[in-house]
Amino acid sequence: MRRYVHPIVPAAPRQGGACPALQDVLCALAGQNQVLCAMKSELDEILALLQSQAENGAS
């Protein structure tokens, strides 16, 4: 009885040290990170404005 042996499939060529699918995921995450950082910056500005308004209203 013969055993089944799975053929070895050559790996995808590496670009920049990562496989293409992983590279796509990393690029997508980097894009999301930029969006989140921009949103955080805007939220920090809004928070500072609200805090200054609260301090002025409490005075």
N, C-alpha and C. Protein backbone atom coordinates (compact mmCIF):
# COMPACT_ATOMS: atom_id res chain seq x y z
N MET A 1 0.84 -1.18 0.00
CA MET A 1 0.00 0.00 0.00
C MET A 1 0.89 1.25 0.00
N ARG A 2 0.62 2.16 -0.96
CA ARG A 2 1.43 3.38 -1.06
C ARG A 2 0.88 4.46 -0.15
N ARG A 3 1.78 5.21 0.43
CA ARG A 3 1.37 6.36 1.24
C ARG A 3 1.32 7.59 0.35
N TYR A 4 0.35 8.44 0.63
CA TYR A 4 0.24 9.69 -0.12
C TYR A 4 1.30 10.66 0.37
N VAL A 5 2.02 11.23 -0.54
CA VAL A 5 3.02 12.25 -0.20
C VAL A 5 2.60 13.55 -0.88
N HIS A 6 2.38 14.56 -0.05
CA HIS A 6 1.97 15.86 -0.58
C HIS A 6 3.14 16.50 -1.31
N PRO A 7 2.91 16.98 -2.54
CA PRO A 7 4.02 17.63 -3.26
C PRO A 7 4.43 18.93 -2.58
N ILE A 8 5.69 19.22 -2.63
CA ILE A 8 6.20 20.46 -2.04
C ILE A 8 5.97 21.58 -3.05
N VAL A 9 5.22 22.58 -2.61
CA VAL A 9 4.93 23.73 -3.47
C VAL A 9 5.94 24.82 -3.14
N PRO A 10 6.62 25.34 -4.15
CA PRO A 10 7.60 26.40 -3.85
C PRO A 10 6.91 27.62 -3.25
N ALA A 11 7.59 28.23 -2.33
CA ALA A 11 7.04 29.42 -1.66
C ALA A 11 7.00 30.57 -2.65
N ALA A 12 6.09 31.49 -2.40
CA ALA A 12 5.98 32.69 -3.23
C ALA A 12 7.27 33.50 -3.08
N PRO A 13 7.68 34.16 -4.15
CA PRO A 13 8.90 34.97 -4.03
C PRO A 13 8.72 36.06 -2.98
N ARG A 14 9.76 36.28 -2.22
CA ARG A 14 9.68 37.25 -1.13
C ARG A 14 10.02 38.64 -1.64
N GLN A 15 9.25 39.61 -1.14
CA GLN A 15 9.50 41.01 -1.49
C GLN A 15 9.67 41.78 -0.19
N GLY A 16 10.81 42.33 0.01
CA GLY A 16 11.04 43.10 1.23
C GLY A 16 11.01 42.24 2.47
N GLY A 17 11.31 40.96 2.33
CA GLY A 17 11.39 40.08 3.49
C GLY A 17 10.07 39.50 3.94
N ALA A 18 8.98 39.77 3.23
CA ALA A 18 7.68 39.21 3.62
C ALA A 18 6.97 38.69 2.37
N CYS A 19 6.13 37.69 2.54
CA CYS A 19 5.38 37.18 1.40
C CYS A 19 4.36 38.24 0.98
N PRO A 20 3.92 38.22 -0.28
CA PRO A 20 3.02 39.27 -0.77
C PRO A 20 1.75 39.43 0.06
N ALA A 21 1.14 38.33 0.47
CA ALA A 21 -0.10 38.44 1.24
C ALA A 21 0.16 39.15 2.57
N LEU A 22 1.25 38.80 3.22
CA LEU A 22 1.59 39.44 4.49
C LEU A 22 1.92 40.91 4.26
N GLN A 23 2.60 41.20 3.16
CA GLN A 23 2.94 42.59 2.83
C GLN A 23 1.67 43.41 2.65
N ASP A 24 0.65 42.83 2.00
CA ASP A 24 -0.62 43.53 1.82
C ASP A 24 -1.27 43.83 3.16
N VAL A 25 -1.24 42.86 4.06
CA VAL A 25 -1.83 43.04 5.39
C VAL A 25 -1.09 44.14 6.14
N LEU A 26 0.24 44.12 6.08
CA LEU A 26 1.03 45.13 6.79
C LEU A 26 0.77 46.52 6.22
N CYS A 27 0.63 46.63 4.92
CA CYS A 27 0.34 47.93 4.31
C CYS A 27 -1.05 48.42 4.73
N ALA A 28 -2.01 47.50 4.78
CA ALA A 28 -3.36 47.89 5.22
C ALA A 28 -3.34 48.35 6.67
N LEU A 29 -2.59 47.65 7.51
CA LEU A 29 -2.50 48.04 8.92
C LEU A 29 -1.82 49.40 9.07
N ALA A 30 -0.80 49.64 8.26
CA ALA A 30 -0.11 50.93 8.33
C ALA A 30 -1.07 52.05 7.93
N GLY A 31 -1.89 51.80 6.91
CA GLY A 31 -2.88 52.80 6.50
C GLY A 31 -3.90 53.06 7.60
N GLN A 32 -4.36 51.99 8.24
CA GLN A 32 -5.32 52.14 9.34
C GLN A 32 -4.67 52.90 10.49
N ASN A 33 -3.40 52.64 10.75
CA ASN A 33 -2.69 53.32 11.83
C ASN A 33 -2.63 54.82 11.56
N GLN A 34 -2.38 55.20 10.32
CA GLN A 34 -2.34 56.62 9.97
C GLN A 34 -3.69 57.28 10.19
N VAL A 35 -4.77 56.58 9.81
CA VAL A 35 -6.12 57.11 10.00
C VAL A 35 -6.40 57.29 11.48
N LEU A 36 -6.07 56.27 12.28
CA LEU A 36 -6.34 56.33 13.72
C LEU A 36 -5.52 57.44 14.38
N CYS A 37 -4.29 57.63 13.96
CA CYS A 37 -3.46 58.70 14.53
C CYS A 37 -4.05 60.07 14.19
N ALA A 38 -4.55 60.23 12.97
CA ALA A 38 -5.17 61.50 12.59
C ALA A 38 -6.43 61.73 13.42
N MET A 39 -7.23 60.68 13.63
CA MET A 39 -8.44 60.82 14.43
C MET A 39 -8.09 61.17 15.87
N LYS A 40 -7.05 60.54 16.41
CA LYS A 40 -6.64 60.83 17.79
C LYS A 40 -6.22 62.28 17.92
N SER A 41 -5.50 62.78 16.93
CA SER A 41 -5.06 64.17 16.95
C SER A 41 -6.26 65.12 16.99
N GLU A 42 -7.26 64.83 16.16
CA GLU A 42 -8.47 65.66 16.15
C GLU A 42 -9.21 65.57 17.47
N LEU A 43 -9.30 64.36 18.03
CA LEU A 43 -10.00 64.19 19.31
C LEU A 43 -9.26 64.90 20.44
N ASP A 44 -7.92 64.90 20.38
CA ASP A 44 -7.14 65.62 21.40
C ASP A 44 -7.44 67.12 21.34
N GLU A 45 -7.56 67.65 20.11
CA GLU A 45 -7.89 69.07 19.96
C GLU A 45 -9.28 69.37 20.52
N ILE A 46 -10.23 68.50 20.23
CA ILE A 46 -11.60 68.69 20.73
C ILE A 46 -11.61 68.61 22.25
N LEU A 47 -10.88 67.65 22.82
CA LEU A 47 -10.82 67.51 24.27
C LEU A 47 -10.22 68.76 24.91
N ALA A 48 -9.15 69.28 24.34
CA ALA A 48 -8.52 70.49 24.88
C ALA A 48 -9.50 71.67 24.82
N LEU A 49 -10.25 71.78 23.73
CA LEU A 49 -11.23 72.85 23.60
C LEU A 49 -12.33 72.71 24.65
N LEU A 50 -12.84 71.49 24.83
CA LEU A 50 -13.89 71.26 25.83
C LEU A 50 -13.39 71.53 27.24
N GLN A 51 -12.14 71.14 27.52
CA GLN A 51 -11.58 71.39 28.86
C GLN A 51 -11.44 72.88 29.11
N SER A 52 -10.99 73.63 28.11
CA SER A 52 -10.85 75.08 28.30
C SER A 52 -12.22 75.74 28.47
N GLN A 53 -13.22 75.25 27.74
CA GLN A 53 -14.57 75.80 27.90
C GLN A 53 -15.12 75.48 29.28
N ALA A 54 -14.84 74.27 29.77
CA ALA A 54 -15.32 73.88 31.10
C ALA A 54 -14.65 74.74 32.18
N GLU A 55 -13.35 75.01 32.01
CA GLU A 55 -12.63 75.85 32.99
C GLU A 55 -13.16 77.28 32.96
N ASN A 56 -13.44 77.79 31.77
CA ASN A 56 -13.96 79.16 31.65
C ASN A 56 -15.38 79.25 32.18
N GLY A 57 -16.16 78.19 32.00
CA GLY A 57 -17.53 78.18 32.50
C GLY A 57 -17.59 78.03 34.01
N ALA A 58 -16.59 77.36 34.59
CA ALA A 58 -16.56 77.14 36.04
C ALA A 58 -16.07 78.39 36.77
N SER A 59 -15.36 79.27 36.07
CA SER A 59 -14.81 80.47 36.71
C SER A 59 -15.86 81.51 36.98
